[in-house]
Amino acid sequence: ELGRHPHHGLLDGRLDAAERGLVESTLDRLDAREIAGERL
């Protein structure tokens, strides 16, 4: 989710629905959804 930081203002780090969808679809594309809840 930090990948969206450059597209937000300094005080607004909240993701909208489209951005959350982008995060989830990218995790799916990289077969990383199952590990996404683990600490890096």
PDB file of all heavy atoms in Angstrom:
ATOM      1  N   GLU A   1       0.814  -1.216   0.000  1.00  0.00           N
ATOM      2  CA  GLU A   1       0.000   0.000   0.000  1.00  0.00           C
ATOM      3  C   GLU A   1       0.848   1.267   0.000  1.00  0.00           C
ATOM      4  O   GLU A   1       0.424   2.317  -0.503  1.00  0.00           O
ATOM      5  CB  GLU A   1      -0.936  -0.009   1.208  1.00  0.00           C
ATOM      6  CG  GLU A   1      -2.030  -1.058   1.115  1.00  0.00           C
ATOM      7  CD  GLU A   1      -2.864  -1.167   2.381  1.00  0.00           C
ATOM      8  OE1 GLU A   1      -2.465  -0.536   3.399  1.00  0.00           O
ATOM      9  OE2 GLU A   1      -3.887  -1.859   2.369  1.00  0.00           O
ATOM     10  N   LEU A   2       2.079   1.172   0.531  1.00  0.00           N
ATOM     11  CA  LEU A   2       2.974   2.333   0.529  1.00  0.00           C
ATOM     12  C   LEU A   2       3.319   2.778  -0.888  1.00  0.00           C
ATOM     13  O   LEU A   2       3.731   3.922  -1.097  1.00  0.00           O
ATOM     14  CB  LEU A   2       4.265   2.010   1.298  1.00  0.00           C
ATOM     15  CG  LEU A   2       4.138   1.863   2.812  1.00  0.00           C
ATOM     16  CD1 LEU A   2       5.483   1.437   3.409  1.00  0.00           C
ATOM     17  CD2 LEU A   2       3.663   3.159   3.452  1.00  0.00           C
ATOM     18  N   GLY A   3       3.146   1.877  -1.848  1.00  0.00           N
ATOM     19  CA  GLY A   3       3.413   2.253  -3.229  1.00  0.00           C
ATOM     20  C   GLY A   3       2.518   3.357  -3.747  1.00  0.00           C
ATOM     21  O   GLY A   3       2.857   4.031  -4.726  1.00  0.00           O
ATOM     22  N   ARG A   4       1.391   3.590  -3.103  1.00  0.00           N
ATOM     23  CA  ARG A   4       0.489   4.661  -3.526  1.00  0.00           C
ATOM     24  C   ARG A   4       0.843   6.006  -2.888  1.00  0.00           C
ATOM     25  O   ARG A   4       0.247   7.026  -3.231  1.00  0.00           O
ATOM     26  CB  ARG A   4      -0.967   4.303  -3.170  1.00  0.00           C
ATOM     27  CG  ARG A   4      -1.496   3.078  -3.885  1.00  0.00           C
ATOM     28  CD  ARG A   4      -1.366   3.199  -5.394  1.00  0.00           C
ATOM     29  NE  ARG A   4      -2.103   4.362  -5.905  1.00  0.00           N
ATOM     30  CZ  ARG A   4      -1.967   4.817  -7.142  1.00  0.00           C
ATOM     31  NH1 ARG A   4      -1.126   4.247  -7.990  1.00  0.00           N
ATOM     32  NH2 ARG A   4      -2.666   5.870  -7.548  1.00  0.00           N
ATOM     33  N   HIS A   5       1.808   6.019  -1.960  1.00  0.00           N
ATOM     34  CA  HIS A   5       2.149   7.247  -1.238  1.00  0.00           C
ATOM     35  C   HIS A   5       2.484   8.420  -2.164  1.00  0.00           C
ATOM     36  O   HIS A   5       2.042   9.556  -1.896  1.00  0.00           O
ATOM     37  CB  HIS A   5       3.305   6.987  -0.281  1.00  0.00           C
ATOM     38  CG  HIS A   5       3.774   8.217   0.451  1.00  0.00           C
ATOM     39  ND1 HIS A   5       3.037   8.824   1.450  1.00  0.00           N
ATOM     40  CD2 HIS A   5       4.900   8.971   0.295  1.00  0.00           C
ATOM     41  CE1 HIS A   5       3.691   9.892   1.877  1.00  0.00           C
ATOM     42  NE2 HIS A   5       4.810  10.009   1.207  1.00  0.00           N
ATOM     43  N   PRO A   6       3.265   8.236  -3.252  1.00  0.00           N
ATOM     44  CA  PRO A   6       3.592   9.392  -4.099  1.00  0.00           C
ATOM     45  C   PRO A   6       2.371  10.044  -4.737  1.00  0.00           C
ATOM     46  O   PRO A   6       2.458  11.187  -5.203  1.00  0.00           O
ATOM     47  CB  PRO A   6       4.511   8.786  -5.179  1.00  0.00           C
ATOM     48  CG  PRO A   6       5.072   7.554  -4.559  1.00  0.00           C
ATOM     49  CD  PRO A   6       3.964   7.021  -3.699  1.00  0.00           C
ATOM     50  N   HIS A   7       1.239   9.348  -4.771  1.00  0.00           N
ATOM     51  CA  HIS A   7       0.043   9.887  -5.415  1.00  0.00           C
ATOM     52  C   HIS A   7      -0.884  10.599  -4.433  1.00  0.00           C
ATOM     53  O   HIS A   7      -1.964  11.069  -4.825  1.00  0.00           O
ATOM     54  CB  HIS A   7      -0.717   8.749  -6.109  1.00  0.00           C
ATOM     55  CG  HIS A   7       0.088   8.053  -7.156  1.00  0.00           C
ATOM     56  ND1 HIS A   7       0.134   8.470  -8.472  1.00  0.00           N
ATOM     57  CD2 HIS A   7       0.921   6.967  -7.080  1.00  0.00           C
ATOM     58  CE1 HIS A   7       0.945   7.677  -9.163  1.00  0.00           C
ATOM     59  NE2 HIS A   7       1.421   6.754  -8.345  1.00  0.00           N
ATOM     60  N   HIS A   8      -0.476  10.691  -3.165  1.00  0.00           N
ATOM     61  CA  HIS A   8      -1.282  11.334  -2.136  1.00  0.00           C
ATOM     62  C   HIS A   8      -0.547  12.540  -1.562  1.00  0.00           C
ATOM     63  O   HIS A   8       0.667  12.669  -1.694  1.00  0.00           O
ATOM     64  CB  HIS A   8      -1.595  10.354  -0.997  1.00  0.00           C
ATOM     65  CG  HIS A   8      -2.546   9.272  -1.389  1.00  0.00           C
ATOM     66  ND1 HIS A   8      -3.901   9.385  -1.261  1.00  0.00           N
ATOM     67  CD2 HIS A   8      -2.318   8.043  -1.920  1.00  0.00           C
ATOM     68  CE1 HIS A   8      -4.478   8.290  -1.692  1.00  0.00           C
ATOM     69  NE2 HIS A   8      -3.547   7.448  -2.103  1.00  0.00           N
ATOM     70  N   GLY A   9      -1.281  13.394  -0.882  1.00  0.00           N
ATOM     71  CA  GLY A   9      -0.654  14.478  -0.152  1.00  0.00           C
ATOM     72  C   GLY A   9       0.031  13.942   1.093  1.00  0.00           C
ATOM     73  O   GLY A   9      -0.156  12.788   1.490  1.00  0.00           O
ATOM     74  N   LEU A  10       0.806  14.780   1.727  1.00  0.00           N
ATOM     75  CA  LEU A  10       1.568  14.363   2.896  1.00  0.00           C
ATOM     76  C   LEU A  10       0.686  13.881   4.033  1.00  0.00           C
ATOM     77  O   LEU A  10       1.066  13.000   4.807  1.00  0.00           O
ATOM     78  CB  LEU A  10       2.451  15.517   3.379  1.00  0.00           C
ATOM     79  CG  LEU A  10       3.607  15.914   2.455  1.00  0.00           C
ATOM     80  CD1 LEU A  10       4.326  17.138   3.030  1.00  0.00           C
ATOM     81  CD2 LEU A  10       4.578  14.753   2.279  1.00  0.00           C
ATOM     82  N   LEU A  11      -0.507  14.436   4.146  1.00  0.00           N
ATOM     83  CA  LEU A  11      -1.370  14.106   5.277  1.00  0.00           C
ATOM     84  C   LEU A  11      -2.485  13.142   4.904  1.00  0.00           C
ATOM     85  O   LEU A  11      -3.313  12.793   5.760  1.00  0.00           O
ATOM     86  CB  LEU A  11      -1.968  15.393   5.858  1.00  0.00           C
ATOM     87  CG  LEU A  11      -0.951  16.421   6.353  1.00  0.00           C
ATOM     88  CD1 LEU A  11      -1.675  17.660   6.885  1.00  0.00           C
ATOM     89  CD2 LEU A  11      -0.058  15.827   7.431  1.00  0.00           C
ATOM     90  N   ASP A  12      -2.549  12.732   3.667  1.00  0.00           N
ATOM     91  CA  ASP A  12      -3.633  11.861   3.230  1.00  0.00           C
ATOM     92  C   ASP A  12      -3.057  10.565   2.674  1.00  0.00           C
ATOM     93  O   ASP A  12      -2.658  10.491   1.526  1.00  0.00           O
ATOM     94  CB  ASP A  12      -4.482  12.567   2.163  1.00  0.00           C
ATOM     95  CG  ASP A  12      -5.671  11.716   1.738  1.00  0.00           C
ATOM     96  OD1 ASP A  12      -5.942  10.703   2.422  1.00  0.00           O
ATOM     97  OD2 ASP A  12      -6.326  12.061   0.735  1.00  0.00           O
ATOM     98  N   GLY A  13      -3.013   9.545   3.509  1.00  0.00           N
ATOM     99  CA  GLY A  13      -2.499   8.265   3.068  1.00  0.00           C
ATOM    100  C   GLY A  13      -3.586   7.242   2.846  1.00  0.00           C
ATOM    101  O   GLY A  13      -3.310   6.059   2.635  1.00  0.00           O
ATOM    102  N   ARG A  14      -4.861   7.680   2.888  1.00  0.00           N
ATOM    103  CA  ARG A  14      -5.970   6.753   2.739  1.00  0.00           C
ATOM    104  C   ARG A  14      -6.144   6.350   1.279  1.00  0.00           C
ATOM    105  O   ARG A  14      -6.086   7.190   0.379  1.00  0.00           O
ATOM    106  CB  ARG A  14      -7.259   7.384   3.263  1.00  0.00           C
ATOM    107  CG  ARG A  14      -7.263   7.651   4.764  1.00  0.00           C
ATOM    108  CD  ARG A  14      -8.470   8.458   5.161  1.00  0.00           C
ATOM    109  NE  ARG A  14      -8.433   9.791   4.541  1.00  0.00           N
ATOM    110  CZ  ARG A  14      -9.375  10.705   4.717  1.00  0.00           C
ATOM    111  NH1 ARG A  14     -10.427  10.424   5.475  1.00  0.00           N
ATOM    112  NH2 ARG A  14      -9.274  11.887   4.127  1.00  0.00           N
ATOM    113  N   LEU A  15      -6.363   5.066   1.046  1.00  0.00           N
ATOM    114  CA  LEU A  15      -6.569   4.571  -0.306  1.00  0.00           C
ATOM    115  C   LEU A  15      -8.055   4.562  -0.637  1.00  0.00           C
ATOM    116  O   LEU A  15      -8.889   4.206   0.200  1.00  0.00           O
ATOM    117  CB  LEU A  15      -6.014   3.153  -0.446  1.00  0.00           C
ATOM    118  CG  LEU A  15      -4.547   2.919  -0.069  1.00  0.00           C
ATOM    119  CD1 LEU A  15      -4.129   1.505  -0.472  1.00  0.00           C
ATOM    120  CD2 LEU A  15      -3.643   3.948  -0.710  1.00  0.00           C
ATOM    121  N   ASP A  16      -8.375   4.940  -1.856  1.00  0.00           N
ATOM    122  CA  ASP A  16      -9.769   4.841  -2.276  1.00  0.00           C
ATOM    123  C   ASP A  16     -10.041   3.430  -2.794  1.00  0.00           C
ATOM    124  O   ASP A  16      -9.149   2.568  -2.822  1.00  0.00           O
ATOM    125  CB  ASP A  16     -10.112   5.918  -3.315  1.00  0.00           C
ATOM    126  CG  ASP A  16      -9.274   5.802  -4.591  1.00  0.00           C
ATOM    127  OD1 ASP A  16      -8.806   4.681  -4.912  1.00  0.00           O
ATOM    128  OD2 ASP A  16      -9.097   6.819  -5.271  1.00  0.00           O
ATOM    129  N   ALA A  17     -11.276   3.181  -3.204  1.00  0.00           N
ATOM    130  CA  ALA A  17     -11.669   1.842  -3.617  1.00  0.00           C
ATOM    131  C   ALA A  17     -10.855   1.356  -4.814  1.00  0.00           C
ATOM    132  O   ALA A  17     -10.455   0.178  -4.880  1.00  0.00           O
ATOM    133  CB  ALA A  17     -13.162   1.820  -3.943  1.00  0.00           C
ATOM    134  N   ALA A  18     -10.592   2.256  -5.770  1.00  0.00           N
ATOM    135  CA  ALA A  18      -9.833   1.863  -6.949  1.00  0.00           C
ATOM    136  C   ALA A  18      -8.399   1.475  -6.569  1.00  0.00           C
ATOM    137  O   ALA A  18      -7.839   0.513  -7.109  1.00  0.00           O
ATOM    138  CB  ALA A  18      -9.812   3.006  -7.962  1.00  0.00           C
ATOM    139  N   GLU A  19      -7.820   2.222  -5.638  1.00  0.00           N
ATOM    140  CA  GLU A  19      -6.452   1.913  -5.208  1.00  0.00           C
ATOM    141  C   GLU A  19      -6.390   0.607  -4.430  1.00  0.00           C
ATOM    142  O   GLU A  19      -5.463  -0.186  -4.596  1.00  0.00           O
ATOM    143  CB  GLU A  19      -5.906   3.068  -4.372  1.00  0.00           C
ATOM    144  CG  GLU A  19      -5.619   4.313  -5.192  1.00  0.00           C
ATOM    145  CD  GLU A  19      -5.219   5.487  -4.318  1.00  0.00           C
ATOM    146  OE1 GLU A  19      -5.913   5.752  -3.319  1.00  0.00           O
ATOM    147  OE2 GLU A  19      -4.213   6.143  -4.639  1.00  0.00           O
ATOM    148  N   ARG A  20      -7.387   0.376  -3.589  1.00  0.00           N
ATOM    149  CA  ARG A  20      -7.415  -0.901  -2.878  1.00  0.00           C
ATOM    150  C   ARG A  20      -7.573  -2.061  -3.858  1.00  0.00           C
ATOM    151  O   ARG A  20      -6.966  -3.121  -3.680  1.00  0.00           O
ATOM    152  CB  ARG A  20      -8.552  -0.897  -1.855  1.00  0.00           C
ATOM    153  CG  ARG A  20      -8.287  -0.002  -0.644  1.00  0.00           C
ATOM    154  CD  ARG A  20      -9.264  -0.299   0.481  1.00  0.00           C
ATOM    155  NE  ARG A  20     -10.637  -0.011   0.098  1.00  0.00           N
ATOM    156  CZ  ARG A  20     -11.226   1.176   0.234  1.00  0.00           C
ATOM    157  NH1 ARG A  20     -10.544   2.199   0.744  1.00  0.00           N
ATOM    158  NH2 ARG A  20     -12.480   1.350  -0.129  1.00  0.00           N
ATOM    159  N   GLY A  21      -8.357  -1.837  -4.895  1.00  0.00           N
ATOM    160  CA  GLY A  21      -8.502  -2.859  -5.923  1.00  0.00           C
ATOM    161  C   GLY A  21      -7.191  -3.111  -6.650  1.00  0.00           C
ATOM    162  O   GLY A  21      -6.864  -4.257  -6.981  1.00  0.00           O
ATOM    163  N   LEU A  22      -6.423  -2.035  -6.908  1.00  0.00           N
ATOM    164  CA  LEU A  22      -5.123  -2.174  -7.560  1.00  0.00           C
ATOM    165  C   LEU A  22      -4.171  -2.976  -6.689  1.00  0.00           C
ATOM    166  O   LEU A  22      -3.435  -3.837  -7.182  1.00  0.00           O
ATOM    167  CB  LEU A  22      -4.543  -0.786  -7.849  1.00  0.00           C
ATOM    168  CG  LEU A  22      -3.127  -0.747  -8.441  1.00  0.00           C
ATOM    169  CD1 LEU A  22      -3.090  -1.472  -9.788  1.00  0.00           C
ATOM    170  CD2 LEU A  22      -2.653   0.693  -8.593  1.00  0.00           C
ATOM    171  N   VAL A  23      -4.183  -2.715  -5.394  1.00  0.00           N
ATOM    172  CA  VAL A  23      -3.323  -3.460  -4.469  1.00  0.00           C
ATOM    173  C   VAL A  23      -3.661  -4.947  -4.520  1.00  0.00           C
ATOM    174  O   VAL A  23      -2.777  -5.804  -4.656  1.00  0.00           O
ATOM    175  CB  VAL A  23      -3.467  -2.915  -3.029  1.00  0.00           C
ATOM    176  CG1 VAL A  23      -2.819  -3.869  -2.022  1.00  0.00           C
ATOM    177  CG2 VAL A  23      -2.845  -1.533  -2.924  1.00  0.00           C
ATOM    178  N   GLU A  24      -4.950  -5.258  -4.419  1.00  0.00           N
ATOM    179  CA  GLU A  24      -5.359  -6.664  -4.381  1.00  0.00           C
ATOM    180  C   GLU A  24      -5.095  -7.367  -5.705  1.00  0.00           C
ATOM    181  O   GLU A  24      -4.648  -8.519  -5.728  1.00  0.00           O
ATOM    182  CB  GLU A  24      -6.838  -6.774  -4.002  1.00  0.00           C
ATOM    183  CG  GLU A  24      -7.160  -6.257  -2.607  1.00  0.00           C
ATOM    184  CD  GLU A  24      -6.316  -6.913  -1.525  1.00  0.00           C
ATOM    185  OE1 GLU A  24      -6.078  -8.133  -1.588  1.00  0.00           O
ATOM    186  OE2 GLU A  24      -5.864  -6.180  -0.610  1.00  0.00           O
ATOM    187  N   SER A  25      -5.360  -6.696  -6.826  1.00  0.00           N
ATOM    188  CA  SER A  25      -5.132  -7.332  -8.125  1.00  0.00           C
ATOM    189  C   SER A  25      -3.636  -7.545  -8.369  1.00  0.00           C
ATOM    190  O   SER A  25      -3.245  -8.548  -8.995  1.00  0.00           O
ATOM    191  CB  SER A  25      -5.734  -6.479  -9.253  1.00  0.00           C
ATOM    192  OG  SER A  25      -5.091  -5.208  -9.351  1.00  0.00           O
ATOM    193  N   THR A  26      -2.802  -6.636  -7.871  1.00  0.00           N
ATOM    194  CA  THR A  26      -1.357  -6.792  -8.030  1.00  0.00           C
ATOM    195  C   THR A  26      -0.847  -7.947  -7.176  1.00  0.00           C
ATOM    196  O   THR A  26      -0.015  -8.741  -7.622  1.00  0.00           O
ATOM    197  CB  THR A  26      -0.630  -5.484  -7.663  1.00  0.00           C
ATOM    198  OG1 THR A  26      -1.115  -4.421  -8.484  1.00  0.00           O
ATOM    199  CG2 THR A  26       0.876  -5.631  -7.873  1.00  0.00           C
ATOM    200  N   LEU A  27      -1.353  -8.054  -5.959  1.00  0.00           N
ATOM    201  CA  LEU A  27      -0.985  -9.185  -5.109  1.00  0.00           C
ATOM    202  C   LEU A  27      -1.393 -10.497  -5.765  1.00  0.00           C
ATOM    203  O   LEU A  27      -0.633 -11.475  -5.759  1.00  0.00           O
ATOM    204  CB  LEU A  27      -1.645  -9.051  -3.739  1.00  0.00           C
ATOM    205  CG  LEU A  27      -1.069  -7.987  -2.808  1.00  0.00           C
ATOM    206  CD1 LEU A  27      -1.968  -7.793  -1.587  1.00  0.00           C
ATOM    207  CD2 LEU A  27       0.347  -8.354  -2.358  1.00  0.00           C
ATOM    208  N   ASP A  28      -2.579 -10.526  -6.365  1.00  0.00           N
ATOM    209  CA  ASP A  28      -3.031 -11.730  -7.063  1.00  0.00           C
ATOM    210  C   ASP A  28      -2.115 -12.050  -8.242  1.00  0.00           C
ATOM    211  O   ASP A  28      -1.739 -13.206  -8.463  1.00  0.00           O
ATOM    212  CB  ASP A  28      -4.469 -11.550  -7.555  1.00  0.00           C
ATOM    213  CG  ASP A  28      -5.498 -11.688  -6.448  1.00  0.00           C
ATOM    214  OD1 ASP A  28      -5.173 -12.300  -5.407  1.00  0.00           O
ATOM    215  OD2 ASP A  28      -6.613 -11.171  -6.616  1.00  0.00           O
ATOM    216  N   ARG A  29      -1.766 -11.010  -9.005  1.00  0.00           N
ATOM    217  CA  ARG A  29      -0.943 -11.233 -10.205  1.00  0.00           C
ATOM    218  C   ARG A  29       0.415 -11.803  -9.853  1.00  0.00           C
ATOM    219  O   ARG A  29       0.997 -12.599 -10.615  1.00  0.00           O
ATOM    220  CB  ARG A  29      -0.758  -9.900 -10.960  1.00  0.00           C
ATOM    221  CG  ARG A  29       0.122 -10.013 -12.211  1.00  0.00           C
ATOM    222  CD  ARG A  29      -0.526 -10.926 -13.214  1.00  0.00           C
ATOM    223  NE  ARG A  29       0.331 -11.186 -14.362  1.00  0.00           N
ATOM    224  CZ  ARG A  29       1.274 -12.129 -14.406  1.00  0.00           C
ATOM    225  NH1 ARG A  29       1.510 -12.883 -13.329  1.00  0.00           N
ATOM    226  NH2 ARG A  29       1.991 -12.322 -15.489  1.00  0.00           N
ATOM    227  N   LEU A  30       0.940 -11.444  -8.685  1.00  0.00           N
ATOM    228  CA  LEU A  30       2.259 -11.915  -8.272  1.00  0.00           C
ATOM    229  C   LEU A  30       2.176 -13.124  -7.336  1.00  0.00           C
ATOM    230  O   LEU A  30       3.187 -13.502  -6.735  1.00  0.00           O
ATOM    231  CB  LEU A  30       3.027 -10.781  -7.579  1.00  0.00           C
ATOM    232  CG  LEU A  30       3.274  -9.523  -8.406  1.00  0.00           C
ATOM    233  CD1 LEU A  30       4.208  -8.575  -7.669  1.00  0.00           C
ATOM    234  CD2 LEU A  30       3.848  -9.853  -9.775  1.00  0.00           C
ATOM    235  N   ASP A  31       0.982 -13.703  -7.240  1.00  0.00           N
ATOM    236  CA  ASP A  31       0.778 -14.865  -6.355  1.00  0.00           C
ATOM    237  C   ASP A  31       1.250 -14.559  -4.930  1.00  0.00           C
ATOM    238  O   ASP A  31       1.914 -15.375  -4.282  1.00  0.00           O
ATOM    239  CB  ASP A  31       1.521 -16.100  -6.886  1.00  0.00           C
ATOM    240  CG  ASP A  31       0.934 -16.593  -8.205  1.00  0.00           C
ATOM    241  OD1 ASP A  31      -0.290 -16.493  -8.366  1.00  0.00           O
ATOM    242  OD2 ASP A  31       1.704 -17.063  -9.063  1.00  0.00           O
ATOM    243  N   ALA A  32       0.899 -13.377  -4.449  1.00  0.00           N
ATOM    244  CA  ALA A  32       1.382 -12.934  -3.139  1.00  0.00           C
ATOM    245  C   ALA A  32       0.260 -12.666  -2.148  1.00  0.00           C
ATOM    246  O   ALA A  32       0.528 -12.221  -1.037  1.00  0.00           O
ATOM    247  CB  ALA A  32       2.223 -11.661  -3.309  1.00  0.00           C
ATOM    248  N   ARG A  33      -0.987 -12.960  -2.512  1.00  0.00           N
ATOM    249  CA  ARG A  33      -2.087 -12.659  -1.600  1.00  0.00           C
ATOM    250  C   ARG A  33      -1.975 -13.469  -0.304  1.00  0.00           C
ATOM    251  O   ARG A  33      -2.224 -12.956   0.791  1.00  0.00           O
ATOM    252  CB  ARG A  33      -3.429 -12.933  -2.265  1.00  0.00           C
ATOM    253  CG  ARG A  33      -4.614 -12.592  -1.364  1.00  0.00           C
ATOM    254  CD  ARG A  33      -5.923 -13.027  -1.988  1.00  0.00           C
ATOM    255  NE  ARG A  33      -6.316 -12.137  -3.065  1.00  0.00           N
ATOM    256  CZ  ARG A  33      -7.067 -11.040  -2.892  1.00  0.00           C
ATOM    257  NH1 ARG A  33      -7.454 -10.704  -1.667  1.00  0.00           N
ATOM    258  NH2 ARG A  33      -7.413 -10.293  -3.909  1.00  0.00           N
ATOM    259  N   GLU A  34      -1.576 -14.733  -0.407  1.00  0.00           N
ATOM    260  CA  GLU A  34      -1.535 -15.593   0.778  1.00  0.00           C
ATOM    261  C   GLU A  34      -0.488 -15.148   1.800  1.00  0.00           C
ATOM    262  O   GLU A  34      -0.607 -15.454   2.979  1.00  0.00           O
ATOM    263  CB  GLU A  34      -1.270 -17.042   0.366  1.00  0.00           C
ATOM    264  CG  GLU A  34      -2.441 -17.685  -0.375  1.00  0.00           C
ATOM    265  CD  GLU A  34      -2.209 -19.150  -0.630  1.00  0.00           C
ATOM    266  OE1 GLU A  34      -1.125 -19.667  -0.235  1.00  0.00           O
ATOM    267  OE2 GLU A  34      -3.088 -19.800  -1.237  1.00  0.00           O
ATOM    268  N   ILE A  35       0.540 -14.449   1.345  1.00  0.00           N
ATOM    269  CA  ILE A  35       1.591 -14.009   2.265  1.00  0.00           C
ATOM    270  C   ILE A  35       1.429 -12.549   2.663  1.00  0.00           C
ATOM    271  O   ILE A  35       2.195 -12.039   3.480  1.00  0.00           O
ATOM    272  CB  ILE A  35       2.995 -14.215   1.648  1.00  0.00           C
ATOM    273  CG1 ILE A  35       3.131 -13.407   0.347  1.00  0.00           C
ATOM    274  CG2 ILE A  35       3.263 -15.689   1.399  1.00  0.00           C
ATOM    275  CD1 ILE A  35       4.530 -13.443  -0.243  1.00  0.00           C
ATOM    276  N   ALA A  36       0.444 -11.871   2.090  1.00  0.00           N
ATOM    277  CA  ALA A  36       0.314 -10.422   2.301  1.00  0.00           C
ATOM    278  C   ALA A  36       0.011 -10.065   3.746  1.00  0.00           C
ATOM    279  O   ALA A  36       0.327  -8.966   4.193  1.00  0.00           O
ATOM    280  CB  ALA A  36      -0.777  -9.850   1.390  1.00  0.00           C
ATOM    281  N   GLY A  37      -0.598 -10.987   4.493  1.00  0.00           N
ATOM    282  CA  GLY A  37      -0.910 -10.693   5.886  1.00  0.00           C
ATOM    283  C   GLY A  37       0.237 -10.941   6.845  1.00  0.00           C
ATOM    284  O   GLY A  37       0.159 -10.579   8.030  1.00  0.00           O
ATOM    285  N   GLU A  38       1.323 -11.532   6.349  1.00  0.00           N
ATOM    286  CA  GLU A  38       2.483 -11.796   7.195  1.00  0.00           C
ATOM    287  C   GLU A  38       3.378 -10.556   7.278  1.00  0.00           C
ATOM    288  O   GLU A  38       3.397  -9.723   6.365  1.00  0.00           O
ATOM    289  CB  GLU A  38       3.297 -12.957   6.627  1.00  0.00           C
ATOM    290  CG  GLU A  38       2.511 -14.247   6.443  1.00  0.00           C
ATOM    291  CD  GLU A  38       2.086 -14.837   7.762  1.00  0.00           C
ATOM    292  OE1 GLU A  38       2.807 -14.650   8.763  1.00  0.00           O
ATOM    293  OE2 GLU A  38       1.016 -15.492   7.802  1.00  0.00           O
ATOM    294  N   ARG A  39       4.115 -10.444   8.368  1.00  0.00           N
ATOM    295  CA  ARG A  39       5.077  -9.337   8.477  1.00  0.00           C
ATOM    296  C   ARG A  39       6.199  -9.549   7.469  1.00  0.00           C
ATOM    297  O   ARG A  39       6.690 -10.666   7.295  1.00  0.00           O
ATOM    298  CB  ARG A  39       5.640  -9.266   9.890  1.00  0.00           C
ATOM    299  CG  ARG A  39       4.612  -8.828  10.925  1.00  0.00           C
ATOM    300  CD  ARG A  39       5.182  -8.835  12.321  1.00  0.00           C
ATOM    301  NE  ARG A  39       4.180  -8.407  13.301  1.00  0.00           N
ATOM    302  CZ  ARG A  39       4.355  -8.449  14.606  1.00  0.00           C
ATOM    303  NH1 ARG A  39       5.503  -8.922  15.108  1.00  0.00           N
ATOM    304  NH2 ARG A  39       3.410  -8.028  15.426  1.00  0.00           N
ATOM    305  N   LEU A  40       6.601  -8.462   6.820  1.00  0.00           N
ATOM    306  CA  LEU A  40       7.618  -8.575   5.777  1.00  0.00           C
ATOM    307  C   LEU A  40       8.905  -9.200   6.323  1.00  0.00           C
ATOM    308  O   LEU A  40       9.551 -10.003   5.643  1.00  0.00           O
ATOM    309  CB  LEU A  40       7.926  -7.192   5.189  1.00  0.00           C
ATOM    310  CG  LEU A  40       8.828  -7.205   3.948  1.00  0.00           C
ATOM    311  CD1 LEU A  40       8.079  -7.752   2.753  1.00  0.00           C
ATOM    312  CD2 LEU A  40       9.357  -5.800   3.626  1.00  0.00           C
TER     313      LEU A  40
END
